[in-house]
Amino acid sequence: MVRGDVHAIALPRRRGRVQHGRRYAVIVQGDELLALSTVVVCPTSTTTRPATFHPEVSIGGEPTWVMCEMIGAVDARALGEQIGHLTLDELRSVDDSLFLVLGLR
């Protein structure tokens, strides 16, 4: 498992407008911390509206948006099968969106 991997995940239902159910998630946690029991991910959606904080990526040949405003930690055991890995350009777009969401600029 490395930063930029895309895994299947089933997110539990919670209150409010947070993502839940079966979908894919992009690992955004630094490789140096991947030995922890939790992993920081951003969920994806094929139906969300495009936005500056929703970079478009291709997963299985299908346009998909990474929801960087929904960043969160999950138990590493909750990650399902790895189904892909972002390209360098896609990962840079995710980084740019995370900088915006987290106010790091």
PDB file of N, CA and C in Angstrom:
ATOM      1  N   MET A   1       0.845  -1.162   0.000  1.00  0.00           N
ATOM      2  CA  MET A   1       0.000   0.000   0.000  1.00  0.00           C
ATOM      3  C   MET A   1       0.900   1.238   0.000  1.00  0.00           C
ATOM      4  N   VAL A   2       0.607   2.174  -0.924  1.00  0.00           N
ATOM      5  CA  VAL A   2       1.359   3.428  -1.007  1.00  0.00           C
ATOM      6  C   VAL A   2       0.401   4.576  -1.310  1.00  0.00           C
ATOM      7  N   ARG A   3       0.887   5.784  -1.074  1.00  0.00           N
ATOM      8  CA  ARG A   3       0.109   6.983  -1.353  1.00  0.00           C
ATOM      9  C   ARG A   3      -0.263   7.004  -2.833  1.00  0.00           C
ATOM     10  N   GLY A   4      -1.529   7.278  -3.117  1.00  0.00           N
ATOM     11  CA  GLY A   4      -2.010   7.291  -4.491  1.00  0.00           C
ATOM     12  C   GLY A   4      -2.717   6.014  -4.899  1.00  0.00           C
ATOM     13  N   ASP A   5      -2.609   4.969  -4.085  1.00  0.00           N
ATOM     14  CA  ASP A   5      -3.366   3.743  -4.376  1.00  0.00           C
ATOM     15  C   ASP A   5      -4.854   4.014  -4.254  1.00  0.00           C
ATOM     16  N   VAL A   6      -5.624   3.284  -5.043  1.00  0.00           N
ATOM     17  CA  VAL A   6      -7.087   3.369  -4.999  1.00  0.00           C
ATOM     18  C   VAL A   6      -7.603   2.020  -4.516  1.00  0.00           C
ATOM     19  N   HIS A   7      -8.400   2.056  -3.447  1.00  0.00           N
ATOM     20  CA  HIS A   7      -8.937   0.835  -2.851  1.00  0.00           C
ATOM     21  C   HIS A   7     -10.460   0.895  -2.778  1.00  0.00           C
ATOM     22  N   ALA A   8     -11.066  -0.263  -2.866  1.00  0.00           N
ATOM     23  CA  ALA A   8     -12.492  -0.371  -2.568  1.00  0.00           C
ATOM     24  C   ALA A   8     -12.664  -0.175  -1.067  1.00  0.00           C
ATOM     25  N   ILE A   9     -13.791   0.408  -0.669  1.00  0.00           N
ATOM     26  CA  ILE A   9     -14.068   0.620   0.749  1.00  0.00           C
ATOM     27  C   ILE A   9     -15.579   0.705   0.944  1.00  0.00           C
ATOM     28  N   ALA A  10     -16.027   0.291   2.108  1.00  0.00           N
ATOM     29  CA  ALA A  10     -17.435   0.463   2.484  1.00  0.00           C
ATOM     30  C   ALA A  10     -17.451   1.411   3.672  1.00  0.00           C
ATOM     31  N   LEU A  11     -17.903   2.640   3.445  1.00  0.00           N
ATOM     32  CA  LEU A  11     -17.943   3.643   4.508  1.00  0.00           C
ATOM     33  C   LEU A  11     -19.266   3.547   5.256  1.00  0.00           C
ATOM     34  N   PRO A  12     -19.232   3.558   6.587  1.00  0.00           N
ATOM     35  CA  PRO A  12     -20.470   3.443   7.368  1.00  0.00           C
ATOM     36  C   PRO A  12     -21.338   4.697   7.225  1.00  0.00           C
ATOM     37  N   ARG A  13     -22.641   4.511   7.385  1.00  0.00           N
ATOM     38  CA  ARG A  13     -23.566   5.641   7.342  1.00  0.00           C
ATOM     39  C   ARG A  13     -23.390   6.463   8.611  1.00  0.00           C
ATOM     40  N   ARG A  14     -23.335   7.774   8.443  1.00  0.00           N
ATOM     41  CA  ARG A  14     -23.207   8.703   9.571  1.00  0.00           C
ATOM     42  C   ARG A  14     -24.198   9.822   9.392  1.00  0.00           C
ATOM     43  N   ARG A  15     -24.285  10.674  10.376  1.00  0.00           N
ATOM     44  CA  ARG A  15     -25.179  11.817  10.285  1.00  0.00           C
ATOM     45  C   ARG A  15     -24.659  12.839   9.295  1.00  0.00           C
ATOM     46  N   GLY A  16     -25.582  13.612   8.748  1.00  0.00           N
ATOM     47  CA  GLY A  16     -25.191  14.697   7.864  1.00  0.00           C
ATOM     48  C   GLY A  16     -24.926  14.239   6.451  1.00  0.00           C
ATOM     49  N   ARG A  17     -24.205  15.066   5.730  1.00  0.00           N
ATOM     50  CA  ARG A  17     -23.962  14.841   4.306  1.00  0.00           C
ATOM     51  C   ARG A  17     -22.572  14.270   4.056  1.00  0.00           C
ATOM     52  N   VAL A  18     -22.216  13.236   4.775  1.00  0.00           N
ATOM     53  CA  VAL A  18     -20.923  12.593   4.550  1.00  0.00           C
ATOM     54  C   VAL A  18     -21.129  11.366   3.667  1.00  0.00           C
ATOM     55  N   GLN A  19     -20.097  11.011   2.951  1.00  0.00           N
ATOM     56  CA  GLN A  19     -20.171   9.870   2.040  1.00  0.00           C
ATOM     57  C   GLN A  19     -20.265   8.562   2.821  1.00  0.00           C
ATOM     58  N   HIS A  20     -21.045   7.636   2.274  1.00  0.00           N
ATOM     59  CA  HIS A  20     -21.185   6.322   2.897  1.00  0.00           C
ATOM     60  C   HIS A  20     -21.426   5.289   1.801  1.00  0.00           C
ATOM     61  N   GLY A  21     -21.357   4.053   2.187  1.00  0.00           N
ATOM     62  CA  GLY A  21     -21.603   2.963   1.248  1.00  0.00           C
ATOM     63  C   GLY A  21     -20.340   2.529   0.516  1.00  0.00           C
ATOM     64  N   ARG A  22     -20.552   1.643  -0.450  1.00  0.00           N
ATOM     65  CA  ARG A  22     -19.436   1.081  -1.209  1.00  0.00           C
ATOM     66  C   ARG A  22     -18.978   2.071  -2.261  1.00  0.00           C
ATOM     67  N   ARG A  23     -17.683   2.293  -2.323  1.00  0.00           N
ATOM     68  CA  ARG A  23     -17.085   3.219  -3.283  1.00  0.00           C
ATOM     69  C   ARG A  23     -15.584   2.970  -3.298  1.00  0.00           C
ATOM     70  N   TYR A  24     -14.869   3.847  -3.944  1.00  0.00           N
ATOM     71  CA  TYR A  24     -13.412   3.775  -3.929  1.00  0.00           C
ATOM     72  C   TYR A  24     -12.870   4.927  -3.094  1.00  0.00           C
ATOM     73  N   ALA A  25     -11.674   4.736  -2.576  1.00  0.00           N
ATOM     74  CA  ALA A  25     -10.996   5.775  -1.800  1.00  0.00           C
ATOM     75  C   ALA A  25      -9.544   5.827  -2.236  1.00  0.00           C
ATOM     76  N   VAL A  26      -9.015   7.046  -2.257  1.00  0.00           N
ATOM     77  CA  VAL A  26      -7.612   7.277  -2.617  1.00  0.00           C
ATOM     78  C   VAL A  26      -6.813   7.460  -1.330  1.00  0.00           C
ATOM     79  N   ILE A  27      -5.725   6.734  -1.200  1.00  0.00           N
ATOM     80  CA  ILE A  27      -4.850   6.898  -0.042  1.00  0.00           C
ATOM     81  C   ILE A  27      -4.056   8.188  -0.225  1.00  0.00           C
ATOM     82  N   VAL A  28      -4.181   9.106   0.748  1.00  0.00           N
ATOM     83  CA  VAL A  28      -3.464  10.381   0.678  1.00  0.00           C
ATOM     84  C   VAL A  28      -2.446  10.531   1.805  1.00  0.00           C
ATOM     85  N   GLN A  29      -2.391   9.568   2.697  1.00  0.00           N
ATOM     86  CA  GLN A  29      -1.439   9.604   3.802  1.00  0.00           C
ATOM     87  C   GLN A  29      -0.030   9.388   3.280  1.00  0.00           C
ATOM     88  N   GLY A  30       0.946  10.076   3.883  1.00  0.00           N
ATOM     89  CA  GLY A  30       2.336   9.907   3.491  1.00  0.00           C
ATOM     90  C   GLY A  30       2.815   8.480   3.697  1.00  0.00           C
ATOM     91  N   ASP A  31       3.636   8.004   2.782  1.00  0.00           N
ATOM     92  CA  ASP A  31       4.146   6.635   2.853  1.00  0.00           C
ATOM     93  C   ASP A  31       4.863   6.343   4.161  1.00  0.00           C
ATOM     94  N   GLU A  32       5.503   7.359   4.744  1.00  0.00           N
ATOM     95  CA  GLU A  32       6.256   7.162   5.987  1.00  0.00           C
ATOM     96  C   GLU A  32       5.355   6.762   7.151  1.00  0.00           C
ATOM     97  N   LEU A  33       4.058   7.043   7.059  1.00  0.00           N
ATOM     98  CA  LEU A  33       3.122   6.764   8.158  1.00  0.00           C
ATOM     99  C   LEU A  33       2.186   5.601   7.868  1.00  0.00           C
ATOM    100  N   LEU A  34       2.417   4.892   6.791  1.00  0.00           N
ATOM    101  CA  LEU A  34       1.483   3.828   6.411  1.00  0.00           C
ATOM    102  C   LEU A  34       1.560   2.590   7.299  1.00  0.00           C
ATOM    103  N   ALA A  35       2.507   2.534   8.206  1.00  0.00           N
ATOM    104  CA  ALA A  35       2.581   1.410   9.144  1.00  0.00           C
ATOM    105  C   ALA A  35       1.595   1.576  10.300  1.00  0.00           C
ATOM    106  N   LEU A  36       0.953   2.750  10.409  1.00  0.00           N
ATOM    107  CA  LEU A  36      -0.035   2.982  11.471  1.00  0.00           C
ATOM    108  C   LEU A  36      -1.266   2.120  11.246  1.00  0.00           C
ATOM    109  N   SER A  37      -2.112   1.998  12.254  1.00  0.00           N
ATOM    110  CA  SER A  37      -3.321   1.182  12.124  1.00  0.00           C
ATOM    111  C   SER A  37      -4.446   1.910  11.393  1.00  0.00           C
ATOM    112  N   THR A  38      -4.278   3.218  11.190  1.00  0.00           N
ATOM    113  CA  THR A  38      -5.256   3.987  10.425  1.00  0.00           C
ATOM    114  C   THR A  38      -4.589   4.554   9.183  1.00  0.00           C
ATOM    115  N   VAL A  39      -5.425   4.846   8.186  1.00  0.00           N
ATOM    116  CA  VAL A  39      -4.945   5.382   6.919  1.00  0.00           C
ATOM    117  C   VAL A  39      -5.828   6.570   6.554  1.00  0.00           C
ATOM    118  N   VAL A  40      -5.214   7.674   6.115  1.00  0.00           N
ATOM    119  CA  VAL A  40      -5.966   8.850   5.695  1.00  0.00           C
ATOM    120  C   VAL A  40      -6.318   8.698   4.214  1.00  0.00           C
ATOM    121  N   VAL A  41      -7.610   8.823   3.917  1.00  0.00           N
ATOM    122  CA  VAL A  41      -8.106   8.626   2.559  1.00  0.00           C
ATOM    123  C   VAL A  41      -9.062   9.757   2.173  1.00  0.00           C
ATOM    124  N   CYS A  42      -9.283   9.866   0.882  1.00  0.00           N
ATOM    125  CA  CYS A  42     -10.340  10.713   0.336  1.00  0.00           C
ATOM    126  C   CYS A  42     -11.266   9.811  -0.469  1.00  0.00           C
ATOM    127  N   PRO A  43     -12.582   9.860  -0.182  1.00  0.00           N
ATOM    128  CA  PRO A  43     -13.517   9.051  -0.962  1.00  0.00           C
ATOM    129  C   PRO A  43     -13.694   9.626  -2.367  1.00  0.00           C
ATOM    130  N   THR A  44     -14.237   8.808  -3.244  1.00  0.00           N
ATOM    131  CA  THR A  44     -14.477   9.231  -4.623  1.00  0.00           C
ATOM    132  C   THR A  44     -15.959   9.142  -4.947  1.00  0.00           C
ATOM    133  N   SER A  45     -16.317   9.781  -6.046  1.00  0.00           N
ATOM    134  CA  SER A  45     -17.704   9.742  -6.518  1.00  0.00           C
ATOM    135  C   SER A  45     -17.708   9.878  -8.033  1.00  0.00           C
ATOM    136  N   THR A  46     -18.646   9.206  -8.665  1.00  0.00           N
ATOM    137  CA  THR A  46     -18.823   9.366 -10.106  1.00  0.00           C
ATOM    138  C   THR A  46     -19.964  10.333 -10.408  1.00  0.00           C
ATOM    139  N   THR A  47     -20.631  10.841  -9.368  1.00  0.00           N
ATOM    140  CA  THR A  47     -21.794  11.700  -9.591  1.00  0.00           C
ATOM    141  C   THR A  47     -21.693  13.079  -8.944  1.00  0.00           C
ATOM    142  N   THR A  48     -20.671  13.342  -8.157  1.00  0.00           N
ATOM    143  CA  THR A  48     -20.558  14.644  -7.501  1.00  0.00           C
ATOM    144  C   THR A  48     -20.310  15.739  -8.535  1.00  0.00           C
ATOM    145  N   ARG A  49     -20.604  16.957  -8.163  1.00  0.00           N
ATOM    146  CA  ARG A  49     -20.372  18.080  -9.067  1.00  0.00           C
ATOM    147  C   ARG A  49     -18.885  18.409  -9.129  1.00  0.00           C
ATOM    148  N   PRO A  50     -18.386  18.714 -10.318  1.00  0.00           N
ATOM    149  CA  PRO A  50     -16.993  19.151 -10.418  1.00  0.00           C
ATOM    150  C   PRO A  50     -16.785  20.441  -9.616  1.00  0.00           C
ATOM    151  N   ALA A  51     -15.632  20.552  -8.979  1.00  0.00           N
ATOM    152  CA  ALA A  51     -15.275  21.731  -8.194  1.00  0.00           C
ATOM    153  C   ALA A  51     -13.755  21.783  -8.087  1.00  0.00           C
ATOM    154  N   THR A  52     -13.238  22.921  -7.642  1.00  0.00           N
ATOM    155  CA  THR A  52     -11.784  23.054  -7.516  1.00  0.00           C
ATOM    156  C   THR A  52     -11.206  22.065  -6.516  1.00  0.00           C
ATOM    157  N   PHE A  53     -12.040  21.603  -5.588  1.00  0.00           N
ATOM    158  CA  PHE A  53     -11.575  20.649  -4.581  1.00  0.00           C
ATOM    159  C   PHE A  53     -12.035  19.230  -4.895  1.00  0.00           C
ATOM    160  N   HIS A  54     -12.495  18.988  -6.128  1.00  0.00           N
ATOM    161  CA  HIS A  54     -12.875  17.660  -6.620  1.00  0.00           C
ATOM    162  C   HIS A  54     -12.067  17.353  -7.882  1.00  0.00           C
ATOM    163  N   PRO A  55     -10.794  17.020  -7.759  1.00  0.00           N
ATOM    164  CA  PRO A  55     -10.019  16.721  -8.966  1.00  0.00           C
ATOM    165  C   PRO A  55     -10.555  15.478  -9.672  1.00  0.00           C
ATOM    166  N   GLU A  56     -10.553  15.555 -10.985  1.00  0.00           N
ATOM    167  CA  GLU A  56     -11.020  14.414 -11.784  1.00  0.00           C
ATOM    168  C   GLU A  56      -9.877  13.439 -12.000  1.00  0.00           C
ATOM    169  N   VAL A  57     -10.173  12.159 -11.812  1.00  0.00           N
ATOM    170  CA  VAL A  57      -9.219  11.080 -12.070  1.00  0.00           C
ATOM    171  C   VAL A  57      -9.944  10.013 -12.877  1.00  0.00           C
ATOM    172  N   SER A  58      -9.208   9.059 -13.360  1.00  0.00           N
ATOM    173  CA  SER A  58      -9.805   7.941 -14.081  1.00  0.00           C
ATOM    174  C   SER A  58      -9.601   6.676 -13.255  1.00  0.00           C
ATOM    175  N   ILE A  59     -10.713   6.016 -12.934  1.00  0.00           N
ATOM    176  CA  ILE A  59     -10.642   4.751 -12.202  1.00  0.00           C
ATOM    177  C   ILE A  59     -11.352   3.703 -13.049  1.00  0.00           C
ATOM    178  N   GLY A  60     -10.599   2.730 -13.492  1.00  0.00           N
ATOM    179  CA  GLY A  60     -11.174   1.712 -14.368  1.00  0.00           C
ATOM    180  C   GLY A  60     -11.689   2.286 -15.667  1.00  0.00           C
ATOM    181  N   GLY A  61     -11.052   3.380 -16.141  1.00  0.00           N
ATOM    182  CA  GLY A  61     -11.458   4.004 -17.387  1.00  0.00           C
ATOM    183  C   GLY A  61     -12.669   4.915 -17.266  1.00  0.00           C
ATOM    184  N   GLU A  62     -13.188   5.073 -16.057  1.00  0.00           N
ATOM    185  CA  GLU A  62     -14.381   5.906 -15.836  1.00  0.00           C
ATOM    186  C   GLU A  62     -14.002   7.217 -15.145  1.00  0.00           C
ATOM    187  N   PRO A  63     -14.517   8.363 -15.631  1.00  0.00           N
ATOM    188  CA  PRO A  63     -14.244   9.624 -14.946  1.00  0.00           C
ATOM    189  C   PRO A  63     -14.803   9.594 -13.524  1.00  0.00           C
ATOM    190  N   THR A  64     -13.981   9.968 -12.580  1.00  0.00           N
ATOM    191  CA  THR A  64     -14.326   9.907 -11.160  1.00  0.00           C
ATOM    192  C   THR A  64     -13.745  11.144 -10.490  1.00  0.00           C
ATOM    193  N   TRP A  65     -14.427  11.641  -9.469  1.00  0.00           N
ATOM    194  CA  TRP A  65     -13.943  12.825  -8.759  1.00  0.00           C
ATOM    195  C   TRP A  65     -13.543  12.447  -7.342  1.00  0.00           C
ATOM    196  N   VAL A  66     -12.373  12.942  -6.918  1.00  0.00           N
ATOM    197  CA  VAL A  66     -11.874  12.715  -5.561  1.00  0.00           C
ATOM    198  C   VAL A  66     -12.433  13.837  -4.697  1.00  0.00           C
ATOM    199  N   MET A  67     -13.138  13.478  -3.645  1.00  0.00           N
ATOM    200  CA  MET A  67     -13.787  14.462  -2.779  1.00  0.00           C
ATOM    201  C   MET A  67     -12.837  14.831  -1.643  1.00  0.00           C
ATOM    202  N   CYS A  68     -11.957  15.782  -1.926  1.00  0.00           N
ATOM    203  CA  CYS A  68     -10.898  16.145  -0.983  1.00  0.00           C
ATOM    204  C   CYS A  68     -11.434  16.804   0.278  1.00  0.00           C
ATOM    205  N   GLU A  69     -12.620  17.376   0.226  1.00  0.00           N
ATOM    206  CA  GLU A  69     -13.200  17.974   1.435  1.00  0.00           C
ATOM    207  C   GLU A  69     -13.718  16.918   2.402  1.00  0.00           C
ATOM    208  N   MET A  70     -13.767  15.667   1.967  1.00  0.00           N
ATOM    209  CA  MET A  70     -14.237  14.561   2.805  1.00  0.00           C
ATOM    210  C   MET A  70     -13.083  13.734   3.351  1.00  0.00           C
ATOM    211  N   ILE A  71     -11.898  14.286   3.383  1.00  0.00           N
ATOM    212  CA  ILE A  71     -10.706  13.584   3.872  1.00  0.00           C
ATOM    213  C   ILE A  71     -10.965  13.038   5.280  1.00  0.00           C
ATOM    214  N   GLY A  72     -10.475  11.824   5.538  1.00  0.00           N
ATOM    215  CA  GLY A  72     -10.662  11.241   6.859  1.00  0.00           C
ATOM    216  C   GLY A  72      -9.800  10.013   7.063  1.00  0.00           C
ATOM    217  N   ALA A  73      -9.692   9.625   8.316  1.00  0.00           N
ATOM    218  CA  ALA A  73      -8.919   8.433   8.669  1.00  0.00           C
ATOM    219  C   ALA A  73      -9.855   7.237   8.787  1.00  0.00           C
ATOM    220  N   VAL A  74      -9.406   6.107   8.291  1.00  0.00           N
ATOM    221  CA  VAL A  74     -10.149   4.857   8.407  1.00  0.00           C
ATOM    222  C   VAL A  74      -9.210   3.787   8.938  1.00  0.00           C
ATOM    223  N   ASP A  75      -9.773   2.776   9.545  1.00  0.00           N
ATOM    224  CA  ASP A  75      -8.995   1.619   9.976  1.00  0.00           C
ATOM    225  C   ASP A  75      -8.412   0.969   8.722  1.00  0.00           C
ATOM    226  N   ALA A  76      -7.136   0.691   8.728  1.00  0.00           N
ATOM    227  CA  ALA A  76      -6.483   0.097   7.558  1.00  0.00           C
ATOM    228  C   ALA A  76      -7.139  -1.216   7.156  1.00  0.00           C
ATOM    229  N   ARG A  77      -7.728  -1.916   8.129  1.00  0.00           N
ATOM    230  CA  ARG A  77      -8.397  -3.192   7.818  1.00  0.00           C
ATOM    231  C   ARG A  77      -9.688  -2.990   7.043  1.00  0.00           C
ATOM    232  N   ALA A  78     -10.201  -1.755   7.000  1.00  0.00           N
ATOM    233  CA  ALA A  78     -11.440  -1.471   6.266  1.00  0.00           C
ATOM    234  C   ALA A  78     -11.203  -1.355   4.762  1.00  0.00           C
ATOM    235  N   LEU A  79      -9.937  -1.221   4.373  1.00  0.00           N
ATOM    236  CA  LEU A  79      -9.639  -1.106   2.948  1.00  0.00           C
ATOM    237  C   LEU A  79      -9.820  -2.445   2.263  1.00  0.00           C
ATOM    238  N   GLY A  80     -10.519  -2.399   1.148  1.00  0.00           N
ATOM    239  CA  GLY A  80     -10.709  -3.604   0.352  1.00  0.00           C
ATOM    240  C   GLY A  80      -9.601  -3.736  -0.682  1.00  0.00           C
ATOM    241  N   GLU A  81      -9.943  -4.403  -1.749  1.00  0.00           N
ATOM    242  CA  GLU A  81      -8.994  -4.688  -2.815  1.00  0.00           C
ATOM    243  C   GLU A  81      -8.440  -3.410  -3.441  1.00  0.00           C
ATOM    244  N   GLN A  82      -7.143  -3.417  -3.727  1.00  0.00           N
ATOM    245  CA  GLN A  82      -6.556  -2.314  -4.482  1.00  0.00           C
ATOM    246  C   GLN A  82      -6.968  -2.481  -5.931  1.00  0.00           C
ATOM    247  N   ILE A  83      -7.554  -1.427  -6.511  1.00  0.00           N
ATOM    248  CA  ILE A  83      -8.027  -1.548  -7.887  1.00  0.00           C
ATOM    249  C   ILE A  83      -7.265  -0.643  -8.849  1.00  0.00           C
ATOM    250  N   GLY A  84      -6.305   0.123  -8.321  1.00  0.00           N
ATOM    251  CA  GLY A  84      -5.552   0.989  -9.215  1.00  0.00           C
ATOM    252  C   GLY A  84      -4.617   1.901  -8.454  1.00  0.00           C
ATOM    253  N   HIS A  85      -4.013   2.812  -9.196  1.00  0.00           N
ATOM    254  CA  HIS A  85      -3.098   3.801  -8.636  1.00  0.00           C
ATOM    255  C   HIS A  85      -3.206   5.045  -9.498  1.00  0.00           C
ATOM    256  N   LEU A  86      -3.247   6.226  -8.858  1.00  0.00           N
ATOM    257  CA  LEU A  86      -3.336   7.476  -9.603  1.00  0.00           C
ATOM    258  C   LEU A  86      -2.047   7.736 -10.379  1.00  0.00           C
ATOM    259  N   THR A  87      -2.197   8.412 -11.510  1.00  0.00           N
ATOM    260  CA  THR A  87      -1.016   8.855 -12.244  1.00  0.00           C
ATOM    261  C   THR A  87      -0.357   9.988 -11.454  1.00  0.00           C
ATOM    262  N   LEU A  88       0.854  10.336 -11.815  1.00  0.00           N
ATOM    263  CA  LEU A  88       1.555  11.430 -11.138  1.00  0.00           C
ATOM    264  C   LEU A  88       0.771  12.735 -11.284  1.00  0.00           C
ATOM    265  N   ASP A  89       0.247  13.008 -12.477  1.00  0.00           N
ATOM    266  CA  ASP A  89      -0.544  14.229 -12.683  1.00  0.00           C
ATOM    267  C   ASP A  89      -1.820  14.216 -11.851  1.00  0.00           C
ATOM    268  N   GLU A  90      -2.477  13.066 -11.760  1.00  0.00           N
ATOM    269  CA  GLU A  90      -3.694  12.974 -10.937  1.00  0.00           C
ATOM    270  C   GLU A  90      -3.374  13.209  -9.464  1.00  0.00           C
ATOM    271  N   LEU A  91      -2.267  12.620  -8.994  1.00  0.00           N
ATOM    272  CA  LEU A  91      -1.879  12.792  -7.599  1.00  0.00           C
ATOM    273  C   LEU A  91      -1.523  14.251  -7.308  1.00  0.00           C
ATOM    274  N   ARG A  92      -0.899  14.921  -8.254  1.00  0.00           N
ATOM    275  CA  ARG A  92      -0.602  16.351  -8.088  1.00  0.00           C
ATOM    276  C   ARG A  92      -1.892  17.171  -7.994  1.00  0.00           C
ATOM    277  N   SER A  93      -2.903  16.803  -8.765  1.00  0.00           N
ATOM    278  CA  SER A  93      -4.198  17.493  -8.696  1.00  0.00           C
ATOM    279  C   SER A  93      -4.855  17.281  -7.339  1.00  0.00           C
ATOM    280  N   VAL A  94      -4.741  16.071  -6.805  1.00  0.00           N
ATOM    281  CA  VAL A  94      -5.265  15.793  -5.467  1.00  0.00           C
ATOM    282  C   VAL A  94      -4.506  16.634  -4.442  1.00  0.00           C
ATOM    283  N   ASP A  95      -3.190  16.688  -4.560  1.00  0.00           N
ATOM    284  CA  ASP A  95      -2.381  17.509  -3.639  1.00  0.00           C
ATOM    285  C   ASP A  95      -2.816  18.968  -3.679  1.00  0.00           C
ATOM    286  N   ASP A  96      -3.011  19.510  -4.882  1.00  0.00           N
ATOM    287  CA  ASP A  96      -3.445  20.904  -5.012  1.00  0.00           C
ATOM    288  C   ASP A  96      -4.787  21.126  -4.313  1.00  0.00           C
ATOM    289  N   SER A  97      -5.700  20.184  -4.472  1.00  0.00           N
ATOM    290  CA  SER A  97      -7.023  20.295  -3.844  1.00  0.00           C
ATOM    291  C   SER A  97      -6.919  20.182  -2.322  1.00  0.00           C
ATOM    292  N   LEU A  98      -6.049  19.301  -1.836  1.00  0.00           N
ATOM    293  CA  LEU A  98      -5.857  19.171  -0.389  1.00  0.00           C
ATOM    294  C   LEU A  98      -5.244  20.441   0.186  1.00  0.00           C
ATOM    295  N   PHE A  99      -4.316  21.055  -0.528  1.00  0.00           N
ATOM    296  CA  PHE A  99      -3.751  22.330  -0.073  1.00  0.00           C
ATOM    297  C   PHE A  99      -4.861  23.362   0.081  1.00  0.00           C
ATOM    298  N   LEU A 100      -5.784  23.410  -0.879  1.00  0.00           N
ATOM    299  CA  LEU A 100      -6.904  24.351  -0.821  1.00  0.00           C
ATOM    300  C   LEU A 100      -7.821  24.028   0.357  1.00  0.00           C
ATOM    301  N   VAL A 101      -8.239  22.782   0.474  1.00  0.00           N
ATOM    302  CA  VAL A 101      -9.171  22.370   1.523  1.00  0.00           C
ATOM    303  C   VAL A 101      -8.593  22.596   2.918  1.00  0.00           C
ATOM    304  N   LEU A 102      -7.323  22.296   3.084  1.00  0.00           N
ATOM    305  CA  LEU A 102      -6.685  22.389   4.393  1.00  0.00           C
ATOM    306  C   LEU A 102      -6.055  23.757   4.672  1.00  0.00           C
ATOM    307  N   GLY A 103      -6.155  24.676   3.712  1.00  0.00           N
ATOM    308  CA  GLY A 103      -5.630  26.025   3.908  1.00  0.00           C
ATOM    309  C   GLY A 103      -4.121  26.063   4.080  1.00  0.00           C
ATOM    310  N   LEU A 104      -3.411  25.255   3.329  1.00  0.00           N
ATOM    311  CA  LEU A 104      -1.959  25.150   3.492  1.00  0.00           C
ATOM    312  C   LEU A 104      -1.182  26.117   2.608  1.00  0.00           C
ATOM    313  N   ARG A 105      -1.868  26.941   1.856  1.00  0.00           N
ATOM    314  CA  ARG A 105      -1.188  27.933   1.003  1.00  0.00           C
ATOM    315  C   ARG A 105      -1.312  29.286   1.587  1.00  0.00           C
TER     316      ARG A 105
END
